[in-house]
């Protein structure tokens, strides 16, 4: 997924920040399902990511998983067959730097078209 984002200071026009980039992957190995994802905020280059997190497949096809991000925050996620990826911070790190990555959490809609857009960016 690629989305152009702007920042706001509370005064004046929006400040263009660049492209927010989000990618996710589902893999199956030895009968177990895993989810990996990453996203990058354009202004700070802060990355939220998790790799090969074990997932439970719900009856509705939604993959449920938990992770600890690179900033020490505990998170939970759900990835649906419709491409909807939801990432929630469950417990914030004690490190003050860990709180800032919170803006990379949220609900994202990943589609094949968005992946093509991501691949086309410089």
C-alpha atoms as a PDB file:
ATOM      1  CA  UNK A   1       0.000   0.000   0.000  1.00  0.00           C
ATOM      2  CA  UNK A   2       1.188   3.487  -0.766  1.00  0.00           C
ATOM      3  CA  UNK A   3      -0.479   6.592   0.605  1.00  0.00           C
ATOM      4  CA  UNK A   4       0.695  10.184   0.348  1.00  0.00           C
ATOM      5  CA  UNK A   5       0.652  11.824   3.790  1.00  0.00           C
ATOM      6  CA  UNK A   6       0.842  15.400   4.975  1.00  0.00           C
ATOM      7  CA  UNK A   7       1.609  16.905   8.353  1.00  0.00           C
ATOM      8  CA  UNK A   8      -0.255  19.694  10.105  1.00  0.00           C
ATOM      9  CA  UNK A   9       1.168  22.186  12.571  1.00  0.00           C
ATOM     10  CA  UNK A  10      -2.202  23.677  13.499  1.00  0.00           C
ATOM     11  CA  UNK A  11      -1.411  26.806  11.524  1.00  0.00           C
ATOM     12  CA  UNK A  12      -1.150  27.340   7.796  1.00  0.00           C
ATOM     13  CA  UNK A  13      -1.360  24.805   5.010  1.00  0.00           C
ATOM     14  CA  UNK A  14      -0.538  21.101   5.198  1.00  0.00           C
ATOM     15  CA  UNK A  15       3.115  20.164   4.899  1.00  0.00           C
ATOM     16  CA  UNK A  16       3.722  17.343   2.387  1.00  0.00           C
ATOM     17  CA  UNK A  17       5.696  14.534   4.033  1.00  0.00           C
ATOM     18  CA  UNK A  18       5.925  11.929   1.281  1.00  0.00           C
ATOM     19  CA  UNK A  19       4.698   8.390   0.743  1.00  0.00           C
ATOM     20  CA  UNK A  20       3.761   6.085   3.626  1.00  0.00           C
ATOM     21  CA  UNK A  21       4.613   2.541   2.533  1.00  0.00           C
ATOM     22  CA  UNK A  22       3.044  -0.639   3.897  1.00  0.00           C
ATOM     23  CA  UNK A  23       3.640  -4.262   2.899  1.00  0.00           C
ATOM     24  CA  UNK A  24       2.591  -7.616   4.355  1.00  0.00           C
ATOM     25  CA  UNK A  25       3.203 -11.249   3.573  1.00  0.00           C
ATOM     26  CA  UNK A  26       1.558 -14.504   4.649  1.00  0.00           C
ATOM     27  CA  UNK A  27       3.504 -17.745   4.507  1.00  0.00           C
ATOM     28  CA  UNK A  28       2.747 -21.353   5.399  1.00  0.00           C
ATOM     29  CA  UNK A  29       5.503 -23.704   6.514  1.00  0.00           C
ATOM     30  CA  UNK A  30       5.090 -27.175   7.952  1.00  0.00           C
ATOM     31  CA  UNK A  31       1.350 -26.606   8.253  1.00  0.00           C
ATOM     32  CA  UNK A  32       1.743 -23.402  10.311  1.00  0.00           C
ATOM     33  CA  UNK A  33       0.756 -19.912   9.148  1.00  0.00           C
ATOM     34  CA  UNK A  34       2.968 -16.846   9.658  1.00  0.00           C
ATOM     35  CA  UNK A  35       2.487 -13.123   9.058  1.00  0.00           C
ATOM     36  CA  UNK A  36       5.208 -10.563   8.304  1.00  0.00           C
ATOM     37  CA  UNK A  37       4.640  -6.857   7.769  1.00  0.00           C
ATOM     38  CA  UNK A  38       6.453  -3.543   7.626  1.00  0.00           C
ATOM     39  CA  UNK A  39       5.577   0.088   7.149  1.00  0.00           C
ATOM     40  CA  UNK A  40       7.655   3.253   6.999  1.00  0.00           C
ATOM     41  CA  UNK A  41       6.702   6.812   7.889  1.00  0.00           C
ATOM     42  CA  UNK A  42       8.159   9.132   5.200  1.00  0.00           C
ATOM     43  CA  UNK A  43       9.243  12.062   7.362  1.00  0.00           C
ATOM     44  CA  UNK A  44      11.164  10.141  10.015  1.00  0.00           C
ATOM     45  CA  UNK A  45      11.866   6.810   8.268  1.00  0.00           C
ATOM     46  CA  UNK A  46      10.619   5.070  11.445  1.00  0.00           C
ATOM     47  CA  UNK A  47       9.769   1.497  10.581  1.00  0.00           C
ATOM     48  CA  UNK A  48       7.189  -0.707  12.241  1.00  0.00           C
ATOM     49  CA  UNK A  49       7.768  -4.331  11.393  1.00  0.00           C
ATOM     50  CA  UNK A  50       7.387  -7.910  12.507  1.00  0.00           C
ATOM     51  CA  UNK A  51       8.690 -11.027  10.813  1.00  0.00           C
ATOM     52  CA  UNK A  52       7.324 -14.555  10.780  1.00  0.00           C
ATOM     53  CA  UNK A  53       4.818 -14.065  13.590  1.00  0.00           C
ATOM     54  CA  UNK A  54       2.766 -17.242  14.192  1.00  0.00           C
ATOM     55  CA  UNK A  55      -0.869 -16.698  13.260  1.00  0.00           C
ATOM     56  CA  UNK A  56      -4.090 -18.443  14.178  1.00  0.00           C
ATOM     57  CA  UNK A  57      -6.553 -18.831  11.320  1.00  0.00           C
ATOM     58  CA  UNK A  58     -10.119 -17.985  12.359  1.00  0.00           C
ATOM     59  CA  UNK A  59     -13.217 -19.643  10.889  1.00  0.00           C
ATOM     60  CA  UNK A  60     -13.810 -16.483   8.836  1.00  0.00           C
ATOM     61  CA  UNK A  61     -10.313 -16.682   7.324  1.00  0.00           C
ATOM     62  CA  UNK A  62      -8.902 -13.834   9.422  1.00  0.00           C
ATOM     63  CA  UNK A  63      -5.340 -14.390  10.640  1.00  0.00           C
ATOM     64  CA  UNK A  64      -4.831 -13.337  14.281  1.00  0.00           C
ATOM     65  CA  UNK A  65      -1.322 -12.722  15.610  1.00  0.00           C
ATOM     66  CA  UNK A  66       0.705 -10.984  18.331  1.00  0.00           C
ATOM     67  CA  UNK A  67       4.112  -9.348  18.054  1.00  0.00           C
ATOM     68  CA  UNK A  68       6.692  -7.153  19.774  1.00  0.00           C
ATOM     69  CA  UNK A  69       7.860  -4.325  17.530  1.00  0.00           C
ATOM     70  CA  UNK A  70      11.445  -3.105  17.220  1.00  0.00           C
ATOM     71  CA  UNK A  71      10.695  -0.354  19.768  1.00  0.00           C
ATOM     72  CA  UNK A  72       9.656  -2.772  22.548  1.00  0.00           C
ATOM     73  CA  UNK A  73       5.891  -2.250  22.233  1.00  0.00           C
ATOM     74  CA  UNK A  74       3.566  -5.258  22.340  1.00  0.00           C
ATOM     75  CA  UNK A  75       1.030  -5.393  19.537  1.00  0.00           C
ATOM     76  CA  UNK A  76      -1.785  -7.498  18.154  1.00  0.00           C
ATOM     77  CA  UNK A  77      -2.896  -7.833  14.561  1.00  0.00           C
ATOM     78  CA  UNK A  78      -5.599  -9.216  12.330  1.00  0.00           C
ATOM     79  CA  UNK A  79      -5.155  -9.788   8.587  1.00  0.00           C
ATOM     80  CA  UNK A  80      -8.283 -10.577   6.599  1.00  0.00           C
ATOM     81  CA  UNK A  81      -8.729 -12.282   3.248  1.00  0.00           C
ATOM     82  CA  UNK A  82     -10.042  -8.952   1.903  1.00  0.00           C
ATOM     83  CA  UNK A  83      -6.606  -7.360   2.482  1.00  0.00           C
ATOM     84  CA  UNK A  84      -7.573  -5.473   5.623  1.00  0.00           C
ATOM     85  CA  UNK A  85      -4.679  -5.403   8.097  1.00  0.00           C
ATOM     86  CA  UNK A  86      -5.336  -4.076  11.580  1.00  0.00           C
ATOM     87  CA  UNK A  87      -2.417  -3.369  13.931  1.00  0.00           C
ATOM     88  CA  UNK A  88      -3.064  -2.326  17.528  1.00  0.00           C
ATOM     89  CA  UNK A  89      -0.558  -1.381  20.221  1.00  0.00           C
ATOM     90  CA  UNK A  90      -1.489  -3.475  23.257  1.00  0.00           C
ATOM     91  CA  UNK A  91       1.232  -2.361  25.675  1.00  0.00           C
ATOM     92  CA  UNK A  92       3.529   0.613  25.218  1.00  0.00           C
ATOM     93  CA  UNK A  93       7.237   0.281  25.857  1.00  0.00           C
ATOM     94  CA  UNK A  94       8.723   1.992  28.904  1.00  0.00           C
ATOM     95  CA  UNK A  95      11.174   3.682  26.524  1.00  0.00           C
ATOM     96  CA  UNK A  96       9.928   7.140  25.494  1.00  0.00           C
ATOM     97  CA  UNK A  97      11.081   6.521  21.915  1.00  0.00           C
ATOM     98  CA  UNK A  98       8.704   3.569  21.653  1.00  0.00           C
ATOM     99  CA  UNK A  99       5.642   5.789  21.927  1.00  0.00           C
ATOM    100  CA  UNK A 100       6.353   7.704  18.715  1.00  0.00           C
ATOM    101  CA  UNK A 101       6.026   4.597  16.529  1.00  0.00           C
ATOM    102  CA  UNK A 102       2.363   4.483  17.601  1.00  0.00           C
ATOM    103  CA  UNK A 103       1.413   6.551  14.588  1.00  0.00           C
ATOM    104  CA  UNK A 104       2.447   3.603  12.368  1.00  0.00           C
ATOM    105  CA  UNK A 105      -0.266   1.423  13.934  1.00  0.00           C
ATOM    106  CA  UNK A 106      -3.805   1.453  12.552  1.00  0.00           C
ATOM    107  CA  UNK A 107      -6.042  -0.173   9.967  1.00  0.00           C
ATOM    108  CA  UNK A 108      -4.751  -0.562   6.423  1.00  0.00           C
ATOM    109  CA  UNK A 109      -6.289  -1.892   3.226  1.00  0.00           C
ATOM    110  CA  UNK A 110      -3.749  -3.818   1.144  1.00  0.00           C
ATOM    111  CA  UNK A 111      -4.619  -4.676  -2.454  1.00  0.00           C
ATOM    112  CA  UNK A 112      -2.791  -6.081  -5.457  1.00  0.00           C
ATOM    113  CA  UNK A 113      -3.126  -2.677  -7.172  1.00  0.00           C
ATOM    114  CA  UNK A 114      -1.515  -0.966  -4.171  1.00  0.00           C
ATOM    115  CA  UNK A 115       1.369  -3.451  -4.304  1.00  0.00           C
ATOM    116  CA  UNK A 116       1.931  -2.551  -7.965  1.00  0.00           C
ATOM    117  CA  UNK A 117       1.956   1.140  -6.994  1.00  0.00           C
ATOM    118  CA  UNK A 118       4.534   0.422  -4.273  1.00  0.00           C
ATOM    119  CA  UNK A 119       6.765  -1.444  -6.734  1.00  0.00           C
ATOM    120  CA  UNK A 120       6.554   1.478  -9.193  1.00  0.00           C
ATOM    121  CA  UNK A 121       7.793   4.120  -6.732  1.00  0.00           C
ATOM    122  CA  UNK A 122      11.459   5.138  -6.775  1.00  0.00           C
END
